[in-house]
Amino acid sequence: MLGSPALTTFQTFDAMGEFAFGEKFQCLAKSESHLFVRALFDGVGSGSALGALERYKVWTILRNTLPKSAFKMMDDLNDMVTSLSKKRRERGHVPGETDMANYLLQNKGEDEFTQKEFEGNALTLLFAGADTTATTLIFGSWLLCKNPAVMERVQGEVRGGFKSSGEIDATNVNELKYMNAVLTEIMRLYP
């Protein structure tokens, strides 16, 4: 059985996949991590370790002595980013689509992104967006459960702020002053 943190992470990666590239990872639907999500989290630890080794110039010495399997996690992550980016670039700019990649793809000429730049943006959008959102939601849920009066006030503001789901948009959500103050406090406590 999956716990709330895993489901929250799945939800945010599903949302970021669609937001960034129009890509449905289906983590929630399948109750399992998408290969990209697993490769990303496995690759982060490897990337940090490799970064430290490079900083102290040890990496240059060790690079040729390690087996190829030592690079598997980073290779998996790079392969996934390359595959996802190429797939989205092949579709090109599509008027009316709202994923972030679509906006990146409308640049032409000297403003056009190279494949490597596009891949870098893919990694940043997916990881920075999904991981920070999941962390905020997880700690936010925990803090609201510990403070039922705050949770009731947030619920009241949200439920009273809209007559229908069609009214929920960025402009109207920004009018929820108490909820936004609570979110700001959550991010201050758990950045």
C-alpha atoms as a PDB file:
ATOM      1  CA  MET A   1       0.000   0.000   0.000  1.00  0.00           C
ATOM      2  CA  LEU A   2       1.325   3.392  -0.989  1.00  0.00           C
ATOM      3  CA  GLY A   3       1.389   6.180   1.584  1.00  0.00           C
ATOM      4  CA  SER A   4       0.331   9.778   1.142  1.00  0.00           C
ATOM      5  CA  PRO A   5       3.862  11.095   0.351  1.00  0.00           C
ATOM      6  CA  ALA A   6       4.234   8.641  -2.549  1.00  0.00           C
ATOM      7  CA  LEU A   7       0.784   9.487  -3.917  1.00  0.00           C
ATOM      8  CA  THR A   8       1.475  13.215  -3.601  1.00  0.00           C
ATOM      9  CA  THR A   9       4.761  12.772  -5.462  1.00  0.00           C
ATOM     10  CA  PHE A  10       2.984  10.759  -8.171  1.00  0.00           C
ATOM     11  CA  GLN A  11       0.324  13.453  -8.487  1.00  0.00           C
ATOM     12  CA  THR A  12       2.832  16.274  -8.852  1.00  0.00           C
ATOM     13  CA  PHE A  13       4.995  14.387 -11.377  1.00  0.00           C
ATOM     14  CA  ASP A  14       1.875  13.567 -13.418  1.00  0.00           C
ATOM     15  CA  ALA A  15       0.900  17.247 -13.357  1.00  0.00           C
ATOM     16  CA  MET A  16       4.424  18.480 -14.177  1.00  0.00           C
ATOM     17  CA  GLY A  17       4.770  15.980 -17.022  1.00  0.00           C
ATOM     18  CA  GLU A  18       1.648  17.410 -18.613  1.00  0.00           C
ATOM     19  CA  PHE A  19       2.547  21.012 -17.746  1.00  0.00           C
ATOM     20  CA  ALA A  20       6.101  20.759 -19.050  1.00  0.00           C
ATOM     21  CA  PHE A  21       5.700  18.468 -22.065  1.00  0.00           C
ATOM     22  CA  GLY A  22       2.118  17.344 -22.451  1.00  0.00           C
ATOM     23  CA  GLU A  23       3.424  13.918 -21.360  1.00  0.00           C
ATOM     24  CA  LYS A  24       1.213  11.707 -19.195  1.00  0.00           C
ATOM     25  CA  PHE A  25       3.351   9.673 -16.812  1.00  0.00           C
ATOM     26  CA  GLN A  26       0.291   7.864 -15.342  1.00  0.00           C
ATOM     27  CA  CYS A  27       1.931   7.449 -11.916  1.00  0.00           C
ATOM     28  CA  LEU A  28      -1.363   7.869 -10.043  1.00  0.00           C
ATOM     29  CA  ALA A  29      -3.395   5.754 -12.439  1.00  0.00           C
ATOM     30  CA  LYS A  30      -0.930   2.871 -12.207  1.00  0.00           C
ATOM     31  CA  SER A  31       0.047   3.482  -8.548  1.00  0.00           C
ATOM     32  CA  GLU A  32       3.684   3.220  -9.541  1.00  0.00           C
ATOM     33  CA  SER A  33       6.566   5.457 -10.379  1.00  0.00           C
ATOM     34  CA  HIS A  34       7.218   6.240 -14.030  1.00  0.00           C
ATOM     35  CA  LEU A  35      10.666   5.222 -15.275  1.00  0.00           C
ATOM     36  CA  PHE A  36      11.605   8.910 -15.562  1.00  0.00           C
ATOM     37  CA  VAL A  37      10.711   9.543 -11.912  1.00  0.00           C
ATOM     38  CA  ARG A  38      12.747   6.540 -10.714  1.00  0.00           C
ATOM     39  CA  ALA A  39      15.713   7.448 -12.905  1.00  0.00           C
ATOM     40  CA  LEU A  40      15.534  11.035 -11.724  1.00  0.00           C
ATOM     41  CA  PHE A  41      15.573  10.207  -8.019  1.00  0.00           C
ATOM     42  CA  ASP A  42      18.225   7.519  -8.435  1.00  0.00           C
ATOM     43  CA  GLY A  43      20.280   9.861 -10.605  1.00  0.00           C
ATOM     44  CA  VAL A  44      20.194  12.769  -8.154  1.00  0.00           C
ATOM     45  CA  GLY A  45      22.300  10.915  -5.593  1.00  0.00           C
ATOM     46  CA  SER A  46      24.756   9.807  -8.231  1.00  0.00           C
ATOM     47  CA  GLY A  47      24.946  13.291  -9.684  1.00  0.00           C
ATOM     48  CA  SER A  48      25.685  14.811  -6.284  1.00  0.00           C
ATOM     49  CA  ALA A  49      28.428  12.293  -5.602  1.00  0.00           C
ATOM     50  CA  LEU A  50      29.960  12.809  -9.051  1.00  0.00           C
ATOM     51  CA  GLY A  51      29.793  16.580  -8.572  1.00  0.00           C
ATOM     52  CA  ALA A  52      31.722  16.315  -5.306  1.00  0.00           C
ATOM     53  CA  LEU A  53      34.332  14.084  -6.918  1.00  0.00           C
ATOM     54  CA  GLU A  54      34.738  16.520  -9.794  1.00  0.00           C
ATOM     55  CA  ARG A  55      35.060  19.485  -7.438  1.00  0.00           C
ATOM     56  CA  TYR A  56      38.054  17.847  -5.756  1.00  0.00           C
ATOM     57  CA  LYS A  57      39.550  16.698  -9.082  1.00  0.00           C
ATOM     58  CA  VAL A  58      39.210  13.056  -8.007  1.00  0.00           C
ATOM     59  CA  TRP A  59      36.751  12.331 -10.805  1.00  0.00           C
ATOM     60  CA  THR A  60      39.369  12.814 -13.512  1.00  0.00           C
ATOM     61  CA  ILE A  61      41.495  10.106 -11.918  1.00  0.00           C
ATOM     62  CA  LEU A  62      38.655   7.658 -11.168  1.00  0.00           C
ATOM     63  CA  ARG A  63      36.630   8.081 -14.367  1.00  0.00           C
ATOM     64  CA  ASN A  64      38.476   5.423 -16.356  1.00  0.00           C
ATOM     65  CA  THR A  65      38.826   2.964 -13.484  1.00  0.00           C
ATOM     66  CA  LEU A  66      35.112   2.508 -12.719  1.00  0.00           C
ATOM     67  CA  PRO A  67      32.919  -0.083 -14.466  1.00  0.00           C
ATOM     68  CA  LYS A  68      30.193   1.151 -16.825  1.00  0.00           C
ATOM     69  CA  SER A  69      27.580  -0.022 -14.307  1.00  0.00           C
ATOM     70  CA  ALA A  70      28.675   2.824 -12.007  1.00  0.00           C
ATOM     71  CA  PHE A  71      27.132   5.244 -14.501  1.00  0.00           C
ATOM     72  CA  LYS A  72      23.859   3.360 -15.049  1.00  0.00           C
ATOM     73  CA  MET A  73      21.608   5.652 -13.007  1.00  0.00           C
ATOM     74  CA  MET A  74      22.939   8.807 -14.634  1.00  0.00           C
ATOM     75  CA  ASP A  75      22.815   7.169 -18.059  1.00  0.00           C
ATOM     76  CA  ASP A  76      19.179   6.134 -17.471  1.00  0.00           C
ATOM     77  CA  LEU A  77      18.271   9.674 -16.479  1.00  0.00           C
ATOM     78  CA  ASN A  78      20.073  11.190 -19.465  1.00  0.00           C
ATOM     79  CA  ASP A  79      18.428   8.674 -21.822  1.00  0.00           C
ATOM     80  CA  MET A  80      14.977   9.478 -20.448  1.00  0.00           C
ATOM     81  CA  VAL A  81      15.506  13.241 -20.719  1.00  0.00           C
ATOM     82  CA  THR A  82      16.833  12.879 -24.263  1.00  0.00           C
ATOM     83  CA  SER A  83      13.952  10.602 -25.283  1.00  0.00           C
ATOM     84  CA  LEU A  84      11.278  12.817 -23.732  1.00  0.00           C
ATOM     85  CA  SER A  85      12.806  15.966 -25.247  1.00  0.00           C
ATOM     86  CA  LYS A  86      13.214  14.486 -28.734  1.00  0.00           C
ATOM     87  CA  LYS A  87       9.668  13.124 -28.689  1.00  0.00           C
ATOM     88  CA  ARG A  88       8.287  16.548 -27.781  1.00  0.00           C
ATOM     89  CA  ARG A  89      10.514  18.396 -30.277  1.00  0.00           C
ATOM     90  CA  GLU A  90       9.323  16.082 -33.062  1.00  0.00           C
ATOM     91  CA  ARG A  91       5.754  17.271 -32.441  1.00  0.00           C
ATOM     92  CA  GLY A  92       7.028  20.842 -32.763  1.00  0.00           C
ATOM     93  CA  HIS A  93       5.160  23.982 -31.849  1.00  0.00           C
ATOM     94  CA  VAL A  94       1.411  23.358 -31.940  1.00  0.00           C
ATOM     95  CA  PRO A  95      -0.788  26.456 -31.742  1.00  0.00           C
ATOM     96  CA  GLY A  96      -3.235  26.151 -28.857  1.00  0.00           C
ATOM     97  CA  GLU A  97      -1.246  23.614 -26.806  1.00  0.00           C
ATOM     98  CA  THR A  98      -0.304  24.993 -23.404  1.00  0.00           C
ATOM     99  CA  ASP A  99       2.590  22.849 -22.212  1.00  0.00           C
ATOM    100  CA  MET A 100       5.807  24.778 -21.491  1.00  0.00           C
ATOM    101  CA  ALA A 101       7.745  22.949 -24.199  1.00  0.00           C
ATOM    102  CA  ASN A 102       5.306  24.347 -26.734  1.00  0.00           C
ATOM    103  CA  TYR A 103       6.337  27.860 -25.723  1.00  0.00           C
ATOM    104  CA  LEU A 104      10.024  26.941 -25.942  1.00  0.00           C
ATOM    105  CA  LEU A 105       9.470  25.478 -29.405  1.00  0.00           C
ATOM    106  CA  GLN A 106       7.999  28.657 -30.856  1.00  0.00           C
ATOM    107  CA  ASN A 107      11.465  30.267 -30.804  1.00  0.00           C
ATOM    108  CA  LYS A 108      13.103  30.168 -34.228  1.00  0.00           C
ATOM    109  CA  GLY A 109      16.379  31.346 -35.701  1.00  0.00           C
ATOM    110  CA  GLU A 110      19.054  32.430 -33.245  1.00  0.00           C
ATOM    111  CA  ASP A 111      16.556  32.201 -30.353  1.00  0.00           C
ATOM    112  CA  GLU A 112      15.845  28.512 -31.049  1.00  0.00           C
ATOM    113  CA  PHE A 113      16.994  26.096 -28.359  1.00  0.00           C
ATOM    114  CA  THR A 114      19.589  23.463 -29.173  1.00  0.00           C
ATOM    115  CA  GLN A 115      18.747  19.857 -28.238  1.00  0.00           C
ATOM    116  CA  LYS A 116      21.018  20.109 -25.164  1.00  0.00           C
ATOM    117  CA  GLU A 117      19.403  23.383 -24.043  1.00  0.00           C
ATOM    118  CA  PHE A 118      15.962  21.859 -24.547  1.00  0.00           C
ATOM    119  CA  GLU A 119      16.986  18.810 -22.473  1.00  0.00           C
ATOM    120  CA  GLY A 120      18.314  21.068 -19.708  1.00  0.00           C
ATOM    121  CA  ASN A 121      15.005  22.892 -19.563  1.00  0.00           C
ATOM    122  CA  ALA A 122      13.160  19.562 -19.492  1.00  0.00           C
ATOM    123  CA  LEU A 123      15.089  18.363 -16.479  1.00  0.00           C
ATOM    124  CA  THR A 124      14.682  21.668 -14.665  1.00  0.00           C
ATOM    125  CA  LEU A 125      10.949  21.921 -15.317  1.00  0.00           C
ATOM    126  CA  LEU A 126      10.165  18.355 -14.337  1.00  0.00           C
ATOM    127  CA  PHE A 127      12.362  17.968 -11.316  1.00  0.00           C
ATOM    128  CA  ALA A 128      12.297  21.448  -9.812  1.00  0.00           C
ATOM    129  CA  GLY A 129       8.566  21.823 -10.362  1.00  0.00           C
ATOM    130  CA  ALA A 130       7.391  18.403  -9.248  1.00  0.00           C
ATOM    131  CA  ASP A 131       9.748  17.784  -6.349  1.00  0.00           C
ATOM    132  CA  THR A 132       9.234  21.188  -4.713  1.00  0.00           C
ATOM    133  CA  THR A 133       5.470  21.004  -5.199  1.00  0.00           C
ATOM    134  CA  ALA A 134       5.312  17.512  -3.679  1.00  0.00           C
ATOM    135  CA  THR A 135       7.434  18.602  -0.710  1.00  0.00           C
ATOM    136  CA  THR A 136       5.226  21.636  -0.081  1.00  0.00           C
ATOM    137  CA  LEU A 137       2.035  19.552  -0.298  1.00  0.00           C
ATOM    138  CA  ILE A 138       3.371  16.828   1.987  1.00  0.00           C
ATOM    139  CA  PHE A 139       4.585  19.209   4.699  1.00  0.00           C
ATOM    140  CA  GLY A 140       1.484  21.352   4.221  1.00  0.00           C
ATOM    141  CA  SER A 141      -0.824  18.393   4.768  1.00  0.00           C
ATOM    142  CA  TRP A 142       1.127  17.387   7.863  1.00  0.00           C
ATOM    143  CA  LEU A 143       1.048  20.908   9.330  1.00  0.00           C
ATOM    144  CA  LEU A 144      -2.656  21.365   8.592  1.00  0.00           C
ATOM    145  CA  CYS A 145      -3.446  18.042  10.304  1.00  0.00           C
ATOM    146  CA  LYS A 146      -1.473  19.226  13.346  1.00  0.00           C
ATOM    147  CA  ASN A 147      -3.384  22.533  13.345  1.00  0.00           C
ATOM    148  CA  PRO A 148      -7.076  21.720  12.779  1.00  0.00           C
ATOM    149  CA  ALA A 149      -8.258  25.308  13.369  1.00  0.00           C
ATOM    150  CA  VAL A 150      -5.993  26.538  10.560  1.00  0.00           C
ATOM    151  CA  MET A 151      -7.167  23.710   8.309  1.00  0.00           C
ATOM    152  CA  GLU A 152     -10.825  24.578   8.965  1.00  0.00           C
ATOM    153  CA  ARG A 153     -10.202  28.246   8.145  1.00  0.00           C
ATOM    154  CA  VAL A 154      -8.375  27.359   4.882  1.00  0.00           C
ATOM    155  CA  GLN A 155     -11.160  24.926   3.943  1.00  0.00           C
ATOM    156  CA  GLY A 156     -13.805  27.557   4.657  1.00  0.00           C
ATOM    157  CA  GLU A 157     -12.025  30.170   2.557  1.00  0.00           C
ATOM    158  CA  VAL A 158     -11.532  27.795  -0.386  1.00  0.00           C
ATOM    159  CA  ARG A 159     -15.036  26.315  -0.282  1.00  0.00           C
ATOM    160  CA  GLY A 160     -16.624  29.730   0.141  1.00  0.00           C
ATOM    161  CA  GLY A 161     -14.480  31.374  -2.502  1.00  0.00           C
ATOM    162  CA  PHE A 162     -15.981  29.671  -5.551  1.00  0.00           C
ATOM    163  CA  LYS A 163     -19.505  28.936  -6.713  1.00  0.00           C
ATOM    164  CA  SER A 164     -18.310  26.447  -9.347  1.00  0.00           C
ATOM    165  CA  SER A 165     -15.084  24.748 -10.448  1.00  0.00           C
ATOM    166  CA  GLY A 166     -15.102  26.958 -13.552  1.00  0.00           C
ATOM    167  CA  GLU A 167     -14.257  29.937 -11.331  1.00  0.00           C
ATOM    168  CA  ILE A 168     -11.009  28.356 -10.143  1.00  0.00           C
ATOM    169  CA  ASP A 169      -8.144  30.028 -11.973  1.00  0.00           C
ATOM    170  CA  ALA A 170      -4.850  31.703 -11.031  1.00  0.00           C
ATOM    171  CA  THR A 171      -6.415  35.147 -10.597  1.00  0.00           C
ATOM    172  CA  ASN A 172      -9.191  33.959  -8.289  1.00  0.00           C
ATOM    173  CA  VAL A 173      -6.938  31.619  -6.299  1.00  0.00           C
ATOM    174  CA  ASN A 174      -4.609  34.556  -5.611  1.00  0.00           C
ATOM    175  CA  GLU A 175      -7.556  36.281  -3.892  1.00  0.00           C
ATOM    176  CA  LEU A 176      -7.571  33.582  -1.176  1.00  0.00           C
ATOM    177  CA  LYS A 177      -5.455  35.630   1.239  1.00  0.00           C
ATOM    178  CA  TYR A 178      -5.460  33.254   4.214  1.00  0.00           C
ATOM    179  CA  MET A 179      -4.694  30.169   2.116  1.00  0.00           C
ATOM    180  CA  ASN A 180      -1.833  31.993   0.400  1.00  0.00           C
ATOM    181  CA  ALA A 181      -0.471  33.130   3.773  1.00  0.00           C
ATOM    182  CA  VAL A 182      -0.583  29.508   4.999  1.00  0.00           C
ATOM    183  CA  LEU A 183       1.228  28.298   1.850  1.00  0.00           C
ATOM    184  CA  THR A 184       3.862  31.008   2.294  1.00  0.00           C
ATOM    185  CA  GLU A 185       4.391  29.937   5.907  1.00  0.00           C
ATOM    186  CA  ILE A 186       4.687  26.267   4.899  1.00  0.00           C
ATOM    187  CA  MET A 187       7.379  27.178   2.362  1.00  0.00           C
ATOM    188  CA  ARG A 188       9.154  29.330   4.952  1.00  0.00           C
ATOM    189  CA  LEU A 189       9.234  26.482   7.460  1.00  0.00           C
ATOM    190  CA  TYR A 190      10.097  23.767   4.924  1.00  0.00           C
ATOM    191  CA  PRO A 191      11.807  25.456   1.955  1.00  0.00           C
END
